[in-house]
Each structure stands twice: as structure tokens, then as C-alpha cells.
Amino acid sequence: CMKRAPRGFEHVKDADLAAAIRNRHFAVRHEIDPAGIYGPALVDELVDFALRAKPLLDWGRAIEGQVE
């Protein structure tokens, strides 16, 4: 965890949000039912997961390079 928020996020006062912003490691995951691994619905399931994870990825890309 960083000691302080990245540039542009110094205004965040909420302690939980500030701690999340200072975190350097995030992960998203989605459990896949082994029975459906070869089914045609898997593609739609993975696309849905990617779309739900996109805001976190976009945020990470937005602050990339701003972290000391």
C-alpha cells in the first residue's frame, strides 16, 4: 500500500476509499461452473464478466504513471 494517494486523488477524505486508492494490487475474479466450461454460454458469461470488470481496469489505466 502506498503511503499517500496518487496525484489527483489527494482530495479523497473517506478513509475506506482512500485506503483502496492507495492499494497497489487489485484483482477481479469470476468463478466458472466446470460443467459449463465447454458450453456455448461461456462466451457470453466471460464477456459479461469483462464488462463488469472494465471500470476497475479503466481506473487503473487512468492512474497508471501517477503512482510513485
PDB file of N, CA and C in Angstrom:
ATOM      1  N   CYS A   1       0.843  -1.175   0.000  1.00  0.00           N
ATOM      2  CA  CYS A   1       0.000   0.000   0.000  1.00  0.00           C
ATOM      3  C   CYS A   1       0.896   1.250   0.000  1.00  0.00           C
ATOM      4  N   MET A   2       0.528   2.221  -0.801  1.00  0.00           N
ATOM      5  CA  MET A   2       1.293   3.464  -0.861  1.00  0.00           C
ATOM      6  C   MET A   2       1.062   4.274   0.411  1.00  0.00           C
ATOM      7  N   LYS A   3       1.989   5.134   0.733  1.00  0.00           N
ATOM      8  CA  LYS A   3       1.867   5.972   1.925  1.00  0.00           C
ATOM      9  C   LYS A   3       0.858   7.096   1.719  1.00  0.00           C
ATOM     10  N   ARG A   4       0.738   7.565   0.482  1.00  0.00           N
ATOM     11  CA  ARG A   4      -0.232   8.622   0.207  1.00  0.00           C
ATOM     12  C   ARG A   4      -0.924   8.342  -1.119  1.00  0.00           C
ATOM     13  N   ALA A   5      -1.991   9.059  -1.355  1.00  0.00           N
ATOM     14  CA  ALA A   5      -2.792   8.854  -2.561  1.00  0.00           C
ATOM     15  C   ALA A   5      -2.035   9.327  -3.797  1.00  0.00           C
ATOM     16  N   PRO A   6      -2.310   8.722  -4.951  1.00  0.00           N
ATOM     17  CA  PRO A   6      -1.697   9.192  -6.192  1.00  0.00           C
ATOM     18  C   PRO A   6      -2.133  10.625  -6.495  1.00  0.00           C
ATOM     19  N   ARG A   7      -1.329  11.317  -7.260  1.00  0.00           N
ATOM     20  CA  ARG A   7      -1.639  12.688  -7.655  1.00  0.00           C
ATOM     21  C   ARG A   7      -3.036  12.738  -8.275  1.00  0.00           C
ATOM     22  N   GLY A   8      -3.803  13.705  -7.860  1.00  0.00           N
ATOM     23  CA  GLY A   8      -5.157  13.851  -8.367  1.00  0.00           C
ATOM     24  C   GLY A   8      -6.206  13.234  -7.456  1.00  0.00           C
ATOM     25  N   PHE A   9      -5.771  12.458  -6.467  1.00  0.00           N
ATOM     26  CA  PHE A   9      -6.707  11.807  -5.552  1.00  0.00           C
ATOM     27  C   PHE A   9      -6.503  12.274  -4.114  1.00  0.00           C
ATOM     28  N   GLU A  10      -5.749  13.343  -3.915  1.00  0.00           N
ATOM     29  CA  GLU A  10      -5.475  13.842  -2.569  1.00  0.00           C
ATOM     30  C   GLU A  10      -6.739  14.339  -1.866  1.00  0.00           C
ATOM     31  N   HIS A  11      -7.740  14.726  -2.624  1.00  0.00           N
ATOM     32  CA  HIS A  11      -8.968  15.287  -2.062  1.00  0.00           C
ATOM     33  C   HIS A  11      -9.874  14.244  -1.412  1.00  0.00           C
ATOM     34  N   VAL A  12      -9.618  12.973  -1.628  1.00  0.00           N
ATOM     35  CA  VAL A  12     -10.478  11.915  -1.086  1.00  0.00           C
ATOM     36  C   VAL A  12     -10.312  11.855   0.429  1.00  0.00           C
ATOM     37  N   LYS A  13     -11.412  12.040   1.144  1.00  0.00           N
ATOM     38  CA  LYS A  13     -11.373  12.076   2.613  1.00  0.00           C
ATOM     39  C   LYS A  13     -11.909  10.794   3.247  1.00  0.00           C
ATOM     40  N   ASP A  14     -12.764  10.053   2.538  1.00  0.00           N
ATOM     41  CA  ASP A  14     -13.320   8.816   3.084  1.00  0.00           C
ATOM     42  C   ASP A  14     -12.188   7.821   3.323  1.00  0.00           C
ATOM     43  N   ALA A  15     -12.039   7.364   4.559  1.00  0.00           N
ATOM     44  CA  ALA A  15     -10.898   6.518   4.934  1.00  0.00           C
ATOM     45  C   ALA A  15     -10.855   5.214   4.145  1.00  0.00           C
ATOM     46  N   ASP A  16     -12.001   4.561   3.964  1.00  0.00           N
ATOM     47  CA  ASP A  16     -12.020   3.294   3.228  1.00  0.00           C
ATOM     48  C   ASP A  16     -11.672   3.499   1.759  1.00  0.00           C
ATOM     49  N   LEU A  17     -12.238   4.535   1.162  1.00  0.00           N
ATOM     50  CA  LEU A  17     -11.947   4.822  -0.240  1.00  0.00           C
ATOM     51  C   LEU A  17     -10.491   5.230  -0.413  1.00  0.00           C
ATOM     52  N   ALA A  18      -9.977   6.036   0.502  1.00  0.00           N
ATOM     53  CA  ALA A  18      -8.574   6.458   0.431  1.00  0.00           C
ATOM     54  C   ALA A  18      -7.643   5.253   0.533  1.00  0.00           C
ATOM     55  N   ALA A  19      -7.971   4.306   1.406  1.00  0.00           N
ATOM     56  CA  ALA A  19      -7.152   3.092   1.533  1.00  0.00           C
ATOM     57  C   ALA A  19      -7.191   2.285   0.242  1.00  0.00           C
ATOM     58  N   ALA A  20      -8.356   2.203  -0.381  1.00  0.00           N
ATOM     59  CA  ALA A  20      -8.472   1.465  -1.642  1.00  0.00           C
ATOM     60  C   ALA A  20      -7.665   2.141  -2.743  1.00  0.00           C
ATOM     61  N   ILE A  21      -7.680   3.464  -2.773  1.00  0.00           N
ATOM     62  CA  ILE A  21      -6.938   4.205  -3.796  1.00  0.00           C
ATOM     63  C   ILE A  21      -5.432   4.011  -3.617  1.00  0.00           C
ATOM     64  N   ARG A  22      -4.981   3.930  -2.382  1.00  0.00           N
ATOM     65  CA  ARG A  22      -3.546   3.752  -2.121  1.00  0.00           C
ATOM     66  C   ARG A  22      -3.088   2.311  -2.364  1.00  0.00           C
ATOM     67  N   ASN A  23      -4.015   1.396  -2.477  1.00  0.00           N
ATOM     68  CA  ASN A  23      -3.667  -0.004  -2.713  1.00  0.00           C
ATOM     69  C   ASN A  23      -3.022  -0.148  -4.091  1.00  0.00           C
ATOM     70  N   ARG A  24      -1.988  -0.925  -4.183  1.00  0.00           N
ATOM     71  CA  ARG A  24      -1.293  -1.132  -5.462  1.00  0.00           C
ATOM     72  C   ARG A  24      -1.732  -2.404  -6.175  1.00  0.00           C
ATOM     73  N   HIS A  25      -2.479  -3.241  -5.515  1.00  0.00           N
ATOM     74  CA  HIS A  25      -2.817  -4.541  -6.093  1.00  0.00           C
ATOM     75  C   HIS A  25      -4.317  -4.786  -6.009  1.00  0.00           C
ATOM     76  N   PHE A  26      -4.917  -4.986  -7.135  1.00  0.00           N
ATOM     77  CA  PHE A  26      -6.333  -5.310  -7.208  1.00  0.00           C
ATOM     78  C   PHE A  26      -6.486  -6.543  -8.083  1.00  0.00           C
ATOM     79  N   ALA A  27      -7.491  -7.307  -7.803  1.00  0.00           N
ATOM     80  CA  ALA A  27      -7.781  -8.480  -8.623  1.00  0.00           C
ATOM     81  C   ALA A  27      -9.290  -8.614  -8.745  1.00  0.00           C
ATOM     82  N   VAL A  28      -9.711  -9.057  -9.878  1.00  0.00           N
ATOM     83  CA  VAL A  28     -11.114  -9.399 -10.075  1.00  0.00           C
ATOM     84  C   VAL A  28     -11.158 -10.856 -10.490  1.00  0.00           C
ATOM     85  N   ARG A  29     -12.221 -11.509 -10.096  1.00  0.00           N
ATOM     86  CA  ARG A  29     -12.329 -12.915 -10.454  1.00  0.00           C
ATOM     87  C   ARG A  29     -13.781 -13.280 -10.649  1.00  0.00           C
ATOM     88  N   HIS A  30     -13.974 -14.336 -11.373  1.00  0.00           N
ATOM     89  CA  HIS A  30     -15.309 -14.845 -11.644  1.00  0.00           C
ATOM     90  C   HIS A  30     -15.207 -16.360 -11.695  1.00  0.00           C
ATOM     91  N   GLU A  31     -15.952 -17.012 -10.848  1.00  0.00           N
ATOM     92  CA  GLU A  31     -15.908 -18.472 -10.853  1.00  0.00           C
ATOM     93  C   GLU A  31     -16.746 -19.003 -12.007  1.00  0.00           C
ATOM     94  N   ILE A  32     -16.185 -19.958 -12.694  1.00  0.00           N
ATOM     95  CA  ILE A  32     -16.863 -20.580 -13.825  1.00  0.00           C
ATOM     96  C   ILE A  32     -17.271 -21.986 -13.412  1.00  0.00           C
ATOM     97  N   ASP A  33     -18.525 -22.298 -13.664  1.00  0.00           N
ATOM     98  CA  ASP A  33     -19.022 -23.636 -13.366  1.00  0.00           C
ATOM     99  C   ASP A  33     -18.317 -24.628 -14.291  1.00  0.00           C
ATOM    100  N   PRO A  34     -17.589 -25.584 -13.727  1.00  0.00           N
ATOM    101  CA  PRO A  34     -16.872 -26.551 -14.571  1.00  0.00           C
ATOM    102  C   PRO A  34     -17.778 -27.272 -15.563  1.00  0.00           C
ATOM    103  N   ALA A  35     -19.038 -27.448 -15.209  1.00  0.00           N
ATOM    104  CA  ALA A  35     -19.961 -28.138 -16.113  1.00  0.00           C
ATOM    105  C   ALA A  35     -20.231 -27.318 -17.375  1.00  0.00           C
ATOM    106  N   GLY A  36     -20.071 -25.999 -17.299  1.00  0.00           N
ATOM    107  CA  GLY A  36     -20.363 -25.156 -18.450  1.00  0.00           C
ATOM    108  C   GLY A  36     -19.145 -24.701 -19.217  1.00  0.00           C
ATOM    109  N   ILE A  37     -17.987 -25.242 -18.896  1.00  0.00           N
ATOM    110  CA  ILE A  37     -16.740 -24.760 -19.491  1.00  0.00           C
ATOM    111  C   ILE A  37     -16.704 -24.934 -21.019  1.00  0.00           C
ATOM    112  N   TYR A  38     -17.381 -25.939 -21.527  1.00  0.00           N
ATOM    113  CA  TYR A  38     -17.379 -26.170 -22.976  1.00  0.00           C
ATOM    114  C   TYR A  38     -18.689 -25.748 -23.625  1.00  0.00           C
ATOM    115  N   GLY A  39     -19.589 -25.155 -22.841  1.00  0.00           N
ATOM    116  CA  GLY A  39     -20.895 -24.775 -23.373  1.00  0.00           C
ATOM    117  C   GLY A  39     -20.861 -23.466 -24.136  1.00  0.00           C
ATOM    118  N   PRO A  40     -21.841 -23.268 -24.992  1.00  0.00           N
ATOM    119  CA  PRO A  40     -21.890 -22.041 -25.793  1.00  0.00           C
ATOM    120  C   PRO A  40     -22.152 -20.784 -24.961  1.00  0.00           C
ATOM    121  N   ALA A  41     -22.697 -20.925 -23.771  1.00  0.00           N
ATOM    122  CA  ALA A  41     -22.989 -19.761 -22.930  1.00  0.00           C
ATOM    123  C   ALA A  41     -21.734 -19.194 -22.274  1.00  0.00           C
ATOM    124  N   LEU A  42     -20.630 -19.937 -22.324  1.00  0.00           N
ATOM    125  CA  LEU A  42     -19.402 -19.477 -21.674  1.00  0.00           C
ATOM    126  C   LEU A  42     -18.913 -18.153 -22.257  1.00  0.00           C
ATOM    127  N   VAL A  43     -19.001 -17.996 -23.551  1.00  0.00           N
ATOM    128  CA  VAL A  43     -18.533 -16.755 -24.187  1.00  0.00           C
ATOM    129  C   VAL A  43     -19.313 -15.564 -23.646  1.00  0.00           C
ATOM    130  N   ASP A  44     -20.633 -15.678 -23.600  1.00  0.00           N
ATOM    131  CA  ASP A  44     -21.454 -14.582 -23.077  1.00  0.00           C
ATOM    132  C   ASP A  44     -21.129 -14.305 -21.613  1.00  0.00           C
ATOM    133  N   GLU A  45     -20.906 -15.358 -20.842  1.00  0.00           N
ATOM    134  CA  GLU A  45     -20.565 -15.208 -19.427  1.00  0.00           C
ATOM    135  C   GLU A  45     -19.246 -14.450 -19.262  1.00  0.00           C
ATOM    136  N   LEU A  46     -18.254 -14.785 -20.075  1.00  0.00           N
ATOM    137  CA  LEU A  46     -16.953 -14.121 -19.984  1.00  0.00           C
ATOM    138  C   LEU A  46     -17.009 -12.676 -20.474  1.00  0.00           C
ATOM    139  N   VAL A  47     -17.790 -12.427 -21.507  1.00  0.00           N
ATOM    140  CA  VAL A  47     -17.962 -11.051 -21.987  1.00  0.00           C
ATOM    141  C   VAL A  47     -18.636 -10.210 -20.906  1.00  0.00           C
ATOM    142  N   ASP A  48     -19.664 -10.768 -20.256  1.00  0.00           N
ATOM    143  CA  ASP A  48     -20.337 -10.060 -19.172  1.00  0.00           C
ATOM    144  C   ASP A  48     -19.362  -9.753 -18.039  1.00  0.00           C
ATOM    145  N   PHE A  49     -18.536 -10.721 -17.682  1.00  0.00           N
ATOM    146  CA  PHE A  49     -17.541 -10.517 -16.629  1.00  0.00           C
ATOM    147  C   PHE A  49     -16.560  -9.408 -17.017  1.00  0.00           C
ATOM    148  N   ALA A  50     -16.088  -9.432 -18.248  1.00  0.00           N
ATOM    149  CA  ALA A  50     -15.143  -8.410 -18.708  1.00  0.00           C
ATOM    150  C   ALA A  50     -15.778  -7.020 -18.654  1.00  0.00           C
ATOM    151  N   LEU A  51     -17.035  -6.915 -19.040  1.00  0.00           N
ATOM    152  CA  LEU A  51     -17.719  -5.621 -18.999  1.00  0.00           C
ATOM    153  C   LEU A  51     -17.907  -5.136 -17.565  1.00  0.00           C
ATOM    154  N   ARG A  52     -18.175  -6.055 -16.643  1.00  0.00           N
ATOM    155  CA  ARG A  52     -18.323  -5.666 -15.238  1.00  0.00           C
ATOM    156  C   ARG A  52     -16.980  -5.283 -14.625  1.00  0.00           C
ATOM    157  N   ALA A  53     -15.882  -5.858 -15.097  1.00  0.00           N
ATOM    158  CA  ALA A  53     -14.546  -5.551 -14.576  1.00  0.00           C
ATOM    159  C   ALA A  53     -13.952  -4.295 -15.218  1.00  0.00           C
ATOM    160  N   LYS A  54     -14.503  -3.864 -16.336  1.00  0.00           N
ATOM    161  CA  LYS A  54     -13.938  -2.753 -17.093  1.00  0.00           C
ATOM    162  C   LYS A  54     -13.769  -1.462 -16.289  1.00  0.00           C
ATOM    163  N   PRO A  55     -14.715  -1.058 -15.428  1.00  0.00           N
ATOM    164  CA  PRO A  55     -14.490   0.179 -14.664  1.00  0.00           C
ATOM    165  C   PRO A  55     -13.217   0.135 -13.815  1.00  0.00           C
ATOM    166  N   LEU A  56     -12.922  -1.001 -13.212  1.00  0.00           N
ATOM    167  CA  LEU A  56     -11.693  -1.113 -12.423  1.00  0.00           C
ATOM    168  C   LEU A  56     -10.469  -1.031 -13.332  1.00  0.00           C
ATOM    169  N   LEU A  57     -10.524  -1.692 -14.470  1.00  0.00           N
ATOM    170  CA  LEU A  57      -9.408  -1.640 -15.414  1.00  0.00           C
ATOM    171  C   LEU A  57      -9.209  -0.217 -15.945  1.00  0.00           C
ATOM    172  N   ASP A  58     -10.310   0.452 -16.274  1.00  0.00           N
ATOM    173  CA  ASP A  58     -10.219   1.835 -16.762  1.00  0.00           C
ATOM    174  C   ASP A  58      -9.613   2.748 -15.705  1.00  0.00           C
ATOM    175  N   TRP A  59     -10.037   2.571 -14.453  1.00  0.00           N
ATOM    176  CA  TRP A  59      -9.499   3.387 -13.361  1.00  0.00           C
ATOM    177  C   TRP A  59      -8.003   3.134 -13.206  1.00  0.00           C
ATOM    178  N   GLY A  60      -7.601   1.883 -13.257  1.00  0.00           N
ATOM    179  CA  GLY A  60      -6.184   1.551 -13.134  1.00  0.00           C
ATOM    180  C   GLY A  60      -5.357   2.171 -14.244  1.00  0.00           C
ATOM    181  N   ARG A  61      -5.896   2.138 -15.447  1.00  0.00           N
ATOM    182  CA  ARG A  61      -5.176   2.753 -16.571  1.00  0.00           C
ATOM    183  C   ARG A  61      -5.117   4.273 -16.422  1.00  0.00           C
ATOM    184  N   ALA A  62      -6.162   4.859 -15.840  1.00  0.00           N
ATOM    185  CA  ALA A  62      -6.210   6.317 -15.676  1.00  0.00           C
ATOM    186  C   ALA A  62      -5.149   6.804 -14.702  1.00  0.00           C
ATOM    187  N   ILE A  63      -4.860   6.020 -13.670  1.00  0.00           N
ATOM    188  CA  ILE A  63      -3.870   6.476 -12.692  1.00  0.00           C
ATOM    189  C   ILE A  63      -2.484   5.903 -12.961  1.00  0.00           C
ATOM    190  N   GLU A  64      -2.361   5.037 -13.961  1.00  0.00           N
ATOM    191  CA  GLU A  64      -1.058   4.452 -14.276  1.00  0.00           C
ATOM    192  C   GLU A  64      -0.071   5.575 -14.586  1.00  0.00           C
ATOM    193  N   GLY A  65       1.082   5.490 -14.000  1.00  0.00           N
ATOM    194  CA  GLY A  65       2.085   6.518 -14.218  1.00  0.00           C
ATOM    195  C   GLY A  65       1.989   7.665 -13.224  1.00  0.00           C
ATOM    196  N   GLN A  66       0.896   7.708 -12.458  1.00  0.00           N
ATOM    197  CA  GLN A  66       0.736   8.753 -11.455  1.00  0.00           C
ATOM    198  C   GLN A  66       1.132   8.252 -10.077  1.00  0.00           C
ATOM    199  N   VAL A  67       1.464   6.990  -9.971  1.00  0.00           N
ATOM    200  CA  VAL A  67       1.808   6.380  -8.692  1.00  0.00           C
ATOM    201  C   VAL A  67       3.312   6.450  -8.501  1.00  0.00           C
ATOM    202  N   GLU A  68       3.723   6.880  -7.315  1.00  0.00           N
ATOM    203  CA  GLU A  68       5.165   6.980  -7.040  1.00  0.00           C
ATOM    204  C   GLU A  68       5.751   5.623  -6.766  1.00  0.00           C
TER     205      GLU A  68
END
